Amino acid sequence: MRVGFLASVVVCSLLVGCDQATLMKKFTPQADEAIAREYGQLLQKRKFDQIEHDLDPSLLDSSVPETFSKMAALFPADTPDSVKVVGSHTFHGQGLSKSDVTLEYQFPTQWLLVNVLTQKKGDVSTLVGLHVTPIPDSLENLNRFTLVGKSVLQYLTLICAVGSLLFTFYVFAVCIRSRDMKPKWFWSIAVLVGVGYFGVN
């Protein structure tokens, strides 16, 4: 019965997942996302004056309009099929907060990343960074997991990772079934948590 329960846990752990867009939406402050979307729309509509008005004074110089124009030229004339958050980071310090939001724009024939950095000192909020980067496909497709075109080392790493997972569950089952191991609850947790960490980007 315990082996059956363990198998159920393993299957559930493999099936449980979370949509990345939903997860990103959950951890991105709505106000920060709204601000990033607004600057993206202003840039696409070439309303540079409104963006420049919010630009941090340390960034103002004669090249700003030309820079905005080059970024706006990267936007197609079409309405984007979708706009979603693919990156978000916030920092809160004493009297200072910073927000870094990256939006992914999907157009019929093009993909763009729009990165918006804002900071707030006291009650004053300013734009401290605005970047537009064309990409050949969505980040989801560009970074998707695939076994095609990998090196021998990468295949070996994958085999070791799967083997390590299976070995962990095997040792956990042995620990649960053991009668002499005390305290059993401690060793069961220790087996699942493990010691050390190995990761591959």
C-alpha atoms as a PDB file:
ATOM      1  CA  MET A   1       0.000   0.000   0.000  1.00  0.00           C
ATOM      2  CA  ARG A   2       2.839   2.361   0.818  1.00  0.00           C
ATOM      3  CA  VAL A   3       4.509   1.647  -2.512  1.00  0.00           C
ATOM      4  CA  GLY A   4       1.241   2.460  -4.296  1.00  0.00           C
ATOM      5  CA  PHE A   5       0.952   5.710  -2.362  1.00  0.00           C
ATOM      6  CA  LEU A   6       4.542   6.607  -3.215  1.00  0.00           C
ATOM      7  CA  ALA A   7       3.879   5.908  -6.894  1.00  0.00           C
ATOM      8  CA  SER A   8       0.846   8.199  -6.754  1.00  0.00           C
ATOM      9  CA  VAL A   9       2.952  10.963  -5.233  1.00  0.00           C
ATOM     10  CA  VAL A  10       5.551  10.584  -7.975  1.00  0.00           C
ATOM     11  CA  VAL A  11       2.923  10.715 -10.737  1.00  0.00           C
ATOM     12  CA  CYS A  12       1.256  13.783  -9.216  1.00  0.00           C
ATOM     13  CA  SER A  13       4.579  15.580  -8.842  1.00  0.00           C
ATOM     14  CA  LEU A  14       5.257  15.020 -12.527  1.00  0.00           C
ATOM     15  CA  LEU A  15       1.804  16.164 -13.613  1.00  0.00           C
ATOM     16  CA  VAL A  16       1.531  19.264 -11.437  1.00  0.00           C
ATOM     17  CA  GLY A  17       2.673  22.403 -13.238  1.00  0.00           C
ATOM     18  CA  CYS A  18       1.949  26.074 -13.512  1.00  0.00           C
ATOM     19  CA  ASP A  19       1.472  28.185 -16.592  1.00  0.00           C
ATOM     20  CA  GLN A  20       4.398  30.609 -16.720  1.00  0.00           C
ATOM     21  CA  ALA A  21       2.280  33.576 -17.844  1.00  0.00           C
ATOM     22  CA  THR A  22      -0.113  33.026 -14.930  1.00  0.00           C
ATOM     23  CA  LEU A  23       2.765  32.722 -12.487  1.00  0.00           C
ATOM     24  CA  MET A  24       4.442  35.876 -13.810  1.00  0.00           C
ATOM     25  CA  LYS A  25       1.141  37.757 -13.611  1.00  0.00           C
ATOM     26  CA  LYS A  26       0.750  36.696  -9.992  1.00  0.00           C
ATOM     27  CA  PHE A  27       4.123  38.075  -8.905  1.00  0.00           C
ATOM     28  CA  THR A  28       4.035  41.288 -10.954  1.00  0.00           C
ATOM     29  CA  PRO A  29       2.459  44.302  -9.217  1.00  0.00           C
ATOM     30  CA  GLN A  30      -0.511  45.444 -11.321  1.00  0.00           C
ATOM     31  CA  ALA A  31       0.527  49.084 -11.071  1.00  0.00           C
ATOM     32  CA  ASP A  32       4.025  48.318 -12.415  1.00  0.00           C
ATOM     33  CA  GLU A  33       2.598  46.278 -15.292  1.00  0.00           C
ATOM     34  CA  ALA A  34       0.138  49.066 -16.150  1.00  0.00           C
ATOM     35  CA  ILE A  35       2.962  51.642 -16.220  1.00  0.00           C
ATOM     36  CA  ALA A  36       5.097  49.433 -18.467  1.00  0.00           C
ATOM     37  CA  ARG A  37       2.190  48.869 -20.866  1.00  0.00           C
ATOM     38  CA  GLU A  38       1.505  52.604 -20.979  1.00  0.00           C
ATOM     39  CA  TYR A  39       5.088  53.457 -21.940  1.00  0.00           C
ATOM     40  CA  GLY A  40       5.015  50.740 -24.585  1.00  0.00           C
ATOM     41  CA  GLN A  41       1.842  52.229 -26.088  1.00  0.00           C
ATOM     42  CA  LEU A  42       3.246  55.756 -25.987  1.00  0.00           C
ATOM     43  CA  LEU A  43       6.375  54.579 -27.765  1.00  0.00           C
ATOM     44  CA  GLN A  44       4.398  52.713 -30.420  1.00  0.00           C
ATOM     45  CA  LYS A  45       2.195  55.779 -30.995  1.00  0.00           C
ATOM     46  CA  ARG A  46       5.349  57.934 -31.165  1.00  0.00           C
ATOM     47  CA  LYS A  47       4.230  60.201 -28.336  1.00  0.00           C
ATOM     48  CA  PHE A  48       7.797  60.949 -27.332  1.00  0.00           C
ATOM     49  CA  ASP A  49       7.028  64.167 -25.460  1.00  0.00           C
ATOM     50  CA  GLN A  50       4.990  62.335 -22.844  1.00  0.00           C
ATOM     51  CA  ILE A  51       7.752  59.785 -22.327  1.00  0.00           C
ATOM     52  CA  GLU A  52      10.448  62.458 -22.159  1.00  0.00           C
ATOM     53  CA  HIS A  53       8.383  64.334 -19.564  1.00  0.00           C
ATOM     54  CA  ASP A  54       8.702  61.340 -17.204  1.00  0.00           C
ATOM     55  CA  LEU A  55      12.341  60.627 -18.034  1.00  0.00           C
ATOM     56  CA  ASP A  56      14.794  60.930 -15.164  1.00  0.00           C
ATOM     57  CA  PRO A  57      16.712  64.250 -15.403  1.00  0.00           C
ATOM     58  CA  SER A  58      20.043  62.402 -15.405  1.00  0.00           C
ATOM     59  CA  LEU A  59      19.122  60.828 -18.766  1.00  0.00           C
ATOM     60  CA  LEU A  60      17.976  63.937 -20.597  1.00  0.00           C
ATOM     61  CA  ASP A  61      20.158  65.025 -23.504  1.00  0.00           C
ATOM     62  CA  SER A  62      19.845  66.013 -27.158  1.00  0.00           C
ATOM     63  CA  SER A  63      19.950  62.406 -28.408  1.00  0.00           C
ATOM     64  CA  VAL A  64      16.797  61.301 -26.569  1.00  0.00           C
ATOM     65  CA  PRO A  65      14.294  62.089 -29.384  1.00  0.00           C
ATOM     66  CA  GLU A  66      16.425  60.250 -31.946  1.00  0.00           C
ATOM     67  CA  THR A  67      16.755  57.251 -29.616  1.00  0.00           C
ATOM     68  CA  PHE A  68      12.995  57.133 -29.088  1.00  0.00           C
ATOM     69  CA  SER A  69      12.462  57.372 -32.834  1.00  0.00           C
ATOM     70  CA  LYS A  70      14.763  54.401 -33.490  1.00  0.00           C
ATOM     71  CA  MET A  71      12.955  52.321 -30.881  1.00  0.00           C
ATOM     72  CA  ALA A  72       9.527  53.277 -32.235  1.00  0.00           C
ATOM     73  CA  ALA A  73      10.619  52.245 -35.742  1.00  0.00           C
ATOM     74  CA  LEU A  74      10.981  48.676 -34.462  1.00  0.00           C
ATOM     75  CA  PHE A  75       7.223  48.497 -33.841  1.00  0.00           C
ATOM     76  CA  PRO A  76       5.100  47.291 -36.780  1.00  0.00           C
ATOM     77  CA  ALA A  77       2.060  49.338 -37.724  1.00  0.00           C
ATOM     78  CA  ASP A  78      -0.195  46.408 -36.759  1.00  0.00           C
ATOM     79  CA  THR A  79      -1.959  46.037 -33.448  1.00  0.00           C
ATOM     80  CA  PRO A  80      -0.171  43.433 -31.300  1.00  0.00           C
ATOM     81  CA  ASP A  81      -1.861  40.045 -31.084  1.00  0.00           C
ATOM     82  CA  SER A  82      -0.804  39.792 -27.452  1.00  0.00           C
ATOM     83  CA  VAL A  83       1.212  41.624 -24.812  1.00  0.00           C
ATOM     84  CA  LYS A  84       2.325  39.724 -21.732  1.00  0.00           C
ATOM     85  CA  VAL A  85       4.773  40.083 -18.870  1.00  0.00           C
ATOM     86  CA  VAL A  86       7.826  37.843 -19.246  1.00  0.00           C
ATOM     87  CA  GLY A  87      10.048  39.454 -16.632  1.00  0.00           C
ATOM     88  CA  SER A  88       9.486  41.381 -13.412  1.00  0.00           C
ATOM     89  CA  HIS A  89      11.697  42.573 -10.585  1.00  0.00           C
ATOM     90  CA  THR A  90      11.022  45.071  -7.818  1.00  0.00           C
ATOM     91  CA  PHE A  91      13.298  46.605  -5.220  1.00  0.00           C
ATOM     92  CA  HIS A  92      12.218  48.511  -2.122  1.00  0.00           C
ATOM     93  CA  GLY A  93      14.709  50.423  -0.028  1.00  0.00           C
ATOM     94  CA  GLN A  94      14.630  53.324   2.374  1.00  0.00           C
ATOM     95  CA  GLY A  95      12.889  56.136   0.498  1.00  0.00           C
ATOM     96  CA  LEU A  96      13.519  54.437  -2.864  1.00  0.00           C
ATOM     97  CA  SER A  97      11.766  51.783  -4.910  1.00  0.00           C
ATOM     98  CA  LYS A  98      12.606  50.432  -8.358  1.00  0.00           C
ATOM     99  CA  SER A  99      10.586  48.411 -10.833  1.00  0.00           C
ATOM    100  CA  ASP A 100      11.896  46.450 -13.808  1.00  0.00           C
ATOM    101  CA  VAL A 101       9.196  44.969 -16.075  1.00  0.00           C
ATOM    102  CA  THR A 102       9.724  43.244 -19.429  1.00  0.00           C
ATOM    103  CA  LEU A 103       6.804  42.844 -21.841  1.00  0.00           C
ATOM    104  CA  GLU A 104       6.686  40.495 -24.802  1.00  0.00           C
ATOM    105  CA  TYR A 105       4.796  41.891 -27.820  1.00  0.00           C
ATOM    106  CA  GLN A 106       3.494  39.436 -30.376  1.00  0.00           C
ATOM    107  CA  PHE A 107       2.703  40.902 -33.800  1.00  0.00           C
ATOM    108  CA  PRO A 108       1.534  38.919 -36.843  1.00  0.00           C
ATOM    109  CA  THR A 109       5.067  38.784 -38.284  1.00  0.00           C
ATOM    110  CA  GLN A 110       7.313  39.979 -35.457  1.00  0.00           C
ATOM    111  CA  TRP A 111       8.162  39.644 -31.773  1.00  0.00           C
ATOM    112  CA  LEU A 112       9.477  42.414 -29.522  1.00  0.00           C
ATOM    113  CA  LEU A 113      10.682  42.683 -25.947  1.00  0.00           C
ATOM    114  CA  VAL A 114      10.015  46.015 -24.247  1.00  0.00           C
ATOM    115  CA  ASN A 115      11.871  46.581 -20.995  1.00  0.00           C
ATOM    116  CA  VAL A 116      10.693  49.419 -18.729  1.00  0.00           C
ATOM    117  CA  LEU A 117      12.621  50.538 -15.639  1.00  0.00           C
ATOM    118  CA  THR A 118      11.098  53.055 -13.257  1.00  0.00           C
ATOM    119  CA  GLN A 119      12.110  54.365  -9.882  1.00  0.00           C
ATOM    120  CA  LYS A 120      10.307  56.257  -7.159  1.00  0.00           C
ATOM    121  CA  LYS A 121      12.000  58.568  -4.680  1.00  0.00           C
ATOM    122  CA  GLY A 122       9.540  59.811  -2.137  1.00  0.00           C
ATOM    123  CA  ASP A 123       6.511  60.886  -4.150  1.00  0.00           C
ATOM    124  CA  VAL A 124       8.428  61.451  -7.392  1.00  0.00           C
ATOM    125  CA  SER A 125       8.347  58.650  -9.979  1.00  0.00           C
ATOM    126  CA  THR A 126      10.634  58.749 -13.025  1.00  0.00           C
ATOM    127  CA  LEU A 127      11.512  56.586 -16.001  1.00  0.00           C
ATOM    128  CA  VAL A 128      15.127  55.427 -15.791  1.00  0.00           C
ATOM    129  CA  GLY A 129      15.252  52.924 -18.627  1.00  0.00           C
ATOM    130  CA  LEU A 130      13.387  51.976 -21.796  1.00  0.00           C
ATOM    131  CA  HIS A 131      14.643  49.304 -24.196  1.00  0.00           C
ATOM    132  CA  VAL A 132      13.135  47.611 -27.248  1.00  0.00           C
ATOM    133  CA  THR A 133      14.664  44.367 -28.521  1.00  0.00           C
ATOM    134  CA  PRO A 134      13.463  42.394 -31.574  1.00  0.00           C
ATOM    135  CA  ILE A 135      13.493  38.614 -31.137  1.00  0.00           C
ATOM    136  CA  PRO A 136      12.948  35.922 -33.796  1.00  0.00           C
ATOM    137  CA  ASP A 137      10.234  34.078 -31.843  1.00  0.00           C
ATOM    138  CA  SER A 138       8.535  34.034 -28.462  1.00  0.00           C
ATOM    139  CA  LEU A 139      10.759  33.479 -25.441  1.00  0.00           C
ATOM    140  CA  GLU A 140       8.710  30.384 -24.692  1.00  0.00           C
ATOM    141  CA  ASN A 141       9.673  28.836 -28.032  1.00  0.00           C
ATOM    142  CA  LEU A 142      13.254  30.097 -27.972  1.00  0.00           C
ATOM    143  CA  ASN A 143      13.859  28.566 -24.532  1.00  0.00           C
ATOM    144  CA  ARG A 144      11.675  25.484 -24.797  1.00  0.00           C
ATOM    145  CA  PHE A 145      13.053  22.135 -23.713  1.00  0.00           C
ATOM    146  CA  THR A 146      14.053  19.929 -26.634  1.00  0.00           C
ATOM    147  CA  LEU A 147      16.322  16.942 -27.145  1.00  0.00           C
ATOM    148  CA  VAL A 148      17.230  17.957 -30.687  1.00  0.00           C
ATOM    149  CA  GLY A 149      20.761  19.170 -31.388  1.00  0.00           C
ATOM    150  CA  LYS A 150      22.172  18.599 -27.909  1.00  0.00           C
ATOM    151  CA  SER A 151      25.720  17.523 -27.094  1.00  0.00           C
ATOM    152  CA  VAL A 152      26.757  14.223 -25.497  1.00  0.00           C
ATOM    153  CA  LEU A 153      27.468  16.096 -22.244  1.00  0.00           C
ATOM    154  CA  GLN A 154      23.933  17.498 -22.201  1.00  0.00           C
ATOM    155  CA  TYR A 155      22.405  14.056 -22.787  1.00  0.00           C
ATOM    156  CA  LEU A 156      24.611  12.656 -20.010  1.00  0.00           C
ATOM    157  CA  THR A 157      23.512  15.436 -17.670  1.00  0.00           C
ATOM    158  CA  LEU A 158      19.852  14.698 -18.396  1.00  0.00           C
ATOM    159  CA  ILE A 159      20.357  10.972 -17.738  1.00  0.00           C
ATOM    160  CA  CYS A 160      22.109  11.766 -14.450  1.00  0.00           C
ATOM    161  CA  ALA A 161      19.311  14.147 -13.418  1.00  0.00           C
ATOM    162  CA  VAL A 162      16.574  11.583 -14.108  1.00  0.00           C
ATOM    163  CA  GLY A 163      18.627   8.856 -12.449  1.00  0.00           C
ATOM    164  CA  SER A 164      19.160  11.035  -9.392  1.00  0.00           C
ATOM    165  CA  LEU A 165      15.416  11.684  -9.104  1.00  0.00           C
ATOM    166  CA  LEU A 166      14.579   7.976  -9.378  1.00  0.00           C
ATOM    167  CA  PHE A 167      17.297   7.103  -6.862  1.00  0.00           C
ATOM    168  CA  THR A 168      15.909   9.693  -4.417  1.00  0.00           C
ATOM    169  CA  PHE A 169      12.414   8.179  -4.597  1.00  0.00           C
ATOM    170  CA  TYR A 170      13.879   4.686  -4.193  1.00  0.00           C
ATOM    171  CA  VAL A 171      15.813   5.672  -1.055  1.00  0.00           C
ATOM    172  CA  PHE A 172      12.705   7.447   0.264  1.00  0.00           C
ATOM    173  CA  ALA A 173      10.682   4.239  -0.181  1.00  0.00           C
ATOM    174  CA  VAL A 174      13.398   2.227   1.584  1.00  0.00           C
ATOM    175  CA  CYS A 175      13.419   4.756   4.411  1.00  0.00           C
ATOM    176  CA  ILE A 176       9.629   4.565   4.830  1.00  0.00           C
ATOM    177  CA  ARG A 177       9.651   0.758   4.878  1.00  0.00           C
ATOM    178  CA  SER A 178      12.605   0.499   7.261  1.00  0.00           C
ATOM    179  CA  ARG A 179      11.745  -0.506  10.834  1.00  0.00           C
ATOM    180  CA  ASP A 180      15.106   0.200  12.433  1.00  0.00           C
ATOM    181  CA  MET A 181      15.675   3.773  11.233  1.00  0.00           C
ATOM    182  CA  LYS A 182      14.802   6.340  13.910  1.00  0.00           C
ATOM    183  CA  PRO A 183      13.587   9.014  13.839  1.00  0.00           C
ATOM    184  CA  LYS A 184      12.022   7.933  10.550  1.00  0.00           C
ATOM    185  CA  TRP A 185      10.315  11.271   9.868  1.00  0.00           C
ATOM    186  CA  PHE A 186      13.646  13.122  10.051  1.00  0.00           C
ATOM    187  CA  TRP A 187      15.440  10.811   7.629  1.00  0.00           C
ATOM    188  CA  SER A 188      12.465  10.825   5.243  1.00  0.00           C
ATOM    189  CA  ILE A 189      12.602  14.619   5.023  1.00  0.00           C
ATOM    190  CA  ALA A 190      16.403  14.550   4.734  1.00  0.00           C
ATOM    191  CA  VAL A 191      16.188  12.144   1.777  1.00  0.00           C
ATOM    192  CA  LEU A 192      13.653  14.305  -0.085  1.00  0.00           C
ATOM    193  CA  VAL A 193      15.391  17.615   0.625  1.00  0.00           C
ATOM    194  CA  GLY A 194      18.897  16.295   0.031  1.00  0.00           C
ATOM    195  CA  VAL A 195      22.245  17.999   0.509  1.00  0.00           C
ATOM    196  CA  GLY A 196      23.787  20.245  -2.127  1.00  0.00           C
ATOM    197  CA  TYR A 197      22.389  21.425  -5.451  1.00  0.00           C
ATOM    198  CA  PHE A 198      23.291  20.964  -9.085  1.00  0.00           C
ATOM    199  CA  GLY A 199      21.556  22.906 -11.845  1.00  0.00           C
ATOM    200  CA  VAL A 200      21.878  23.508 -15.556  1.00  0.00           C
ATOM    201  CA  ASN A 201      20.605  26.574 -17.365  1.00  0.00           C
END
